[in-house]
Amino acid sequence: MMDVPCKCGGYAKHQIGDVEHVIGSKKIIIKNVPHYYCEFCGTASYGTDVNVSDLLKEAYSKNLNEISYQ
């Protein structure tokens, strides 16, 4: 996979791994999710085919700290 431009001006690399989100005061980690990560600014972003919103809603409603991307 190619690197993609990041909003900071750096480049983000495609990888599969864990990404942390904060909703209110709750931290939720999505495990094994494909994403782009910029080492320069530390930003993770997703391709258009990856939807994490439903996973975050599910984890939040079930009071989970972690959820796996499938």
N, C-alpha and C. Protein backbone atom coordinates (compact mmCIF):
# COMPACT_ATOMS: atom_id res chain seq x y z
N MET A 1 0.84 -1.20 0.00
CA MET A 1 0.00 0.00 0.00
C MET A 1 0.87 1.24 0.00
N MET A 2 0.39 2.26 -0.61
CA MET A 2 1.12 3.51 -0.69
C MET A 2 0.83 4.37 0.54
N ASP A 3 1.77 5.25 0.82
CA ASP A 3 1.53 6.25 1.85
C ASP A 3 0.55 7.27 1.30
N VAL A 4 -0.25 7.86 2.17
CA VAL A 4 -1.20 8.89 1.75
C VAL A 4 -0.85 10.20 2.45
N PRO A 5 -1.12 11.33 1.81
CA PRO A 5 -0.83 12.61 2.45
C PRO A 5 -1.68 12.80 3.70
N CYS A 6 -1.06 13.36 4.72
CA CYS A 6 -1.76 13.67 5.96
C CYS A 6 -2.08 15.16 5.98
N LYS A 7 -3.08 15.55 6.77
CA LYS A 7 -3.46 16.95 6.85
C LYS A 7 -2.35 17.83 7.42
N CYS A 8 -1.36 17.23 8.13
CA CYS A 8 -0.25 18.00 8.71
C CYS A 8 0.84 18.30 7.69
N GLY A 9 0.76 17.66 6.52
CA GLY A 9 1.79 17.84 5.50
C GLY A 9 2.73 16.65 5.42
N GLY A 10 2.66 15.75 6.40
CA GLY A 10 3.45 14.53 6.38
C GLY A 10 2.73 13.45 5.58
N TYR A 11 3.15 12.21 5.79
CA TYR A 11 2.53 11.08 5.11
C TYR A 11 2.12 10.02 6.11
N ALA A 12 0.96 9.40 5.88
CA ALA A 12 0.44 8.36 6.75
C ALA A 12 0.62 7.00 6.08
N LYS A 13 1.07 6.03 6.87
CA LYS A 13 1.28 4.68 6.37
C LYS A 13 0.09 3.80 6.71
N HIS A 14 -0.26 2.90 5.80
CA HIS A 14 -1.35 1.96 6.04
C HIS A 14 -0.85 0.86 6.97
N GLN A 15 -1.67 0.54 7.97
CA GLN A 15 -1.32 -0.54 8.89
C GLN A 15 -2.59 -1.10 9.51
N ILE A 16 -2.45 -2.25 10.15
CA ILE A 16 -3.56 -2.84 10.90
C ILE A 16 -3.10 -2.91 12.35
N GLY A 17 -3.91 -2.35 13.22
CA GLY A 17 -3.53 -2.33 14.63
C GLY A 17 -4.62 -1.71 15.47
N ASP A 18 -4.25 -1.33 16.68
CA ASP A 18 -5.20 -0.78 17.64
C ASP A 18 -5.21 0.75 17.58
N VAL A 19 -6.41 1.32 17.67
CA VAL A 19 -6.57 2.77 17.67
C VAL A 19 -7.45 3.16 18.85
N GLU A 20 -7.00 4.18 19.59
CA GLU A 20 -7.73 4.65 20.76
C GLU A 20 -8.60 5.85 20.40
N HIS A 21 -9.83 5.82 20.88
CA HIS A 21 -10.75 6.94 20.72
C HIS A 21 -11.21 7.38 22.11
N VAL A 22 -11.51 8.66 22.25
CA VAL A 22 -12.03 9.17 23.51
C VAL A 22 -13.41 9.76 23.24
N ILE A 23 -14.41 9.23 23.96
CA ILE A 23 -15.77 9.73 23.86
C ILE A 23 -16.15 10.23 25.25
N GLY A 24 -16.29 11.54 25.38
CA GLY A 24 -16.49 12.13 26.71
C GLY A 24 -15.25 11.87 27.54
N SER A 25 -15.42 11.19 28.65
CA SER A 25 -14.27 10.85 29.49
C SER A 25 -13.89 9.38 29.34
N LYS A 26 -14.52 8.67 28.40
CA LYS A 26 -14.28 7.24 28.22
C LYS A 26 -13.33 6.97 27.06
N LYS A 27 -12.31 6.14 27.33
CA LYS A 27 -11.39 5.70 26.28
C LYS A 27 -11.84 4.35 25.76
N ILE A 28 -11.93 4.24 24.43
CA ILE A 28 -12.32 2.99 23.79
C ILE A 28 -11.24 2.64 22.76
N ILE A 29 -10.74 1.42 22.83
CA ILE A 29 -9.73 0.96 21.89
C ILE A 29 -10.39 0.01 20.89
N ILE A 30 -10.21 0.30 19.62
CA ILE A 30 -10.66 -0.61 18.57
C ILE A 30 -9.45 -1.44 18.16
N LYS A 31 -9.57 -2.75 18.31
CA LYS A 31 -8.47 -3.68 18.06
C LYS A 31 -8.47 -4.12 16.60
N ASN A 32 -7.27 -4.26 16.05
CA ASN A 32 -7.06 -4.84 14.71
C ASN A 32 -7.83 -4.15 13.60
N VAL A 33 -7.83 -2.84 13.62
CA VAL A 33 -8.55 -2.07 12.60
C VAL A 33 -7.56 -1.57 11.54
N PRO A 34 -7.90 -1.70 10.24
CA PRO A 34 -7.04 -1.13 9.21
C PRO A 34 -7.17 0.39 9.24
N HIS A 35 -6.02 1.06 9.22
CA HIS A 35 -6.03 2.52 9.28
C HIS A 35 -4.73 3.08 8.72
N TYR A 36 -4.71 4.39 8.56
CA TYR A 36 -3.51 5.10 8.14
C TYR A 36 -3.01 5.86 9.36
N TYR A 37 -1.69 5.77 9.62
CA TYR A 37 -1.12 6.43 10.79
C TYR A 37 0.04 7.32 10.37
N CYS A 38 -0.03 8.57 10.79
CA CYS A 38 1.05 9.53 10.51
C CYS A 38 1.97 9.59 11.73
N GLU A 39 3.20 9.18 11.56
CA GLU A 39 4.16 9.21 12.66
C GLU A 39 4.57 10.64 13.01
N PHE A 40 4.42 11.55 12.07
CA PHE A 40 4.83 12.94 12.31
C PHE A 40 3.90 13.63 13.32
N CYS A 41 2.59 13.50 13.11
CA CYS A 41 1.64 14.20 14.00
C CYS A 41 0.85 13.27 14.91
N GLY A 42 0.96 11.94 14.68
CA GLY A 42 0.27 10.98 15.53
C GLY A 42 -1.20 10.79 15.23
N THR A 43 -1.63 11.21 14.05
CA THR A 43 -3.03 11.11 13.68
C THR A 43 -3.32 9.77 13.00
N ALA A 44 -4.43 9.14 13.39
CA ALA A 44 -4.91 7.94 12.71
C ALA A 44 -6.14 8.33 11.90
N SER A 45 -6.24 7.81 10.68
CA SER A 45 -7.41 8.06 9.85
C SER A 45 -7.79 6.75 9.16
N TYR A 46 -8.98 6.73 8.62
CA TYR A 46 -9.51 5.50 8.04
C TYR A 46 -9.86 5.69 6.57
N GLY A 47 -9.79 4.59 5.83
CA GLY A 47 -10.23 4.60 4.45
C GLY A 47 -11.74 4.67 4.41
N THR A 48 -12.29 4.95 3.25
CA THR A 48 -13.74 5.09 3.12
C THR A 48 -14.48 3.78 3.34
N ASP A 49 -13.77 2.66 3.25
CA ASP A 49 -14.41 1.35 3.43
C ASP A 49 -14.41 0.88 4.89
N VAL A 50 -13.85 1.68 5.79
CA VAL A 50 -13.78 1.30 7.21
C VAL A 50 -14.71 2.20 8.01
N ASN A 51 -15.72 1.59 8.64
CA ASN A 51 -16.68 2.33 9.44
C ASN A 51 -16.50 1.95 10.91
N VAL A 52 -15.99 2.86 11.71
CA VAL A 52 -15.79 2.58 13.13
C VAL A 52 -16.89 3.18 14.00
N SER A 53 -17.74 4.01 13.45
CA SER A 53 -18.79 4.67 14.23
C SER A 53 -19.70 3.67 14.94
N ASP A 54 -20.15 2.64 14.21
CA ASP A 54 -21.03 1.66 14.81
C ASP A 54 -20.33 0.89 15.93
N LEU A 55 -19.04 0.58 15.73
CA LEU A 55 -18.28 -0.11 16.77
C LEU A 55 -18.14 0.75 18.02
N LEU A 56 -17.87 2.04 17.82
CA LEU A 56 -17.75 2.94 18.97
C LEU A 56 -19.07 3.07 19.71
N LYS A 57 -20.17 3.16 18.97
CA LYS A 57 -21.49 3.25 19.60
C LYS A 57 -21.79 1.99 20.40
N GLU A 58 -21.48 0.84 19.83
CA GLU A 58 -21.72 -0.43 20.52
C GLU A 58 -20.88 -0.52 21.79
N ALA A 59 -19.59 -0.21 21.68
CA ALA A 59 -18.71 -0.28 22.85
C ALA A 59 -19.17 0.68 23.93
N TYR A 60 -19.55 1.88 23.55
CA TYR A 60 -19.99 2.88 24.52
C TYR A 60 -21.28 2.43 25.21
N SER A 61 -22.22 1.93 24.44
CA SER A 61 -23.51 1.52 25.02
C SER A 61 -23.37 0.30 25.93
N LYS A 62 -22.39 -0.55 25.66
CA LYS A 62 -22.15 -1.74 26.48
C LYS A 62 -21.10 -1.50 27.56
N ASN A 63 -20.62 -0.26 27.66
CA ASN A 63 -19.61 0.12 28.64
C ASN A 63 -18.32 -0.70 28.50
N LEU A 64 -17.91 -0.93 27.23
CA LEU A 64 -16.68 -1.68 26.96
C LEU A 64 -15.52 -0.72 26.77
N ASN A 65 -14.33 -1.14 27.18
CA ASN A 65 -13.11 -0.35 26.97
C ASN A 65 -12.43 -0.73 25.67
N GLU A 66 -12.73 -1.95 25.17
CA GLU A 66 -12.14 -2.45 23.94
C GLU A 66 -13.21 -3.14 23.10
N ILE A 67 -13.02 -3.07 21.79
CA ILE A 67 -13.89 -3.80 20.86
C ILE A 67 -13.04 -4.15 19.64
N SER A 68 -13.32 -5.29 19.02
CA SER A 68 -12.54 -5.74 17.87
C SER A 68 -13.22 -5.38 16.56
N TYR A 69 -12.42 -4.96 15.61
CA TYR A 69 -12.89 -4.70 14.25
C TYR A 69 -12.94 -6.06 13.55
N GLN A 70 -14.02 -6.32 12.83
CA GLN A 70 -14.13 -7.64 12.17
C GLN A 70 -14.29 -7.51 10.71
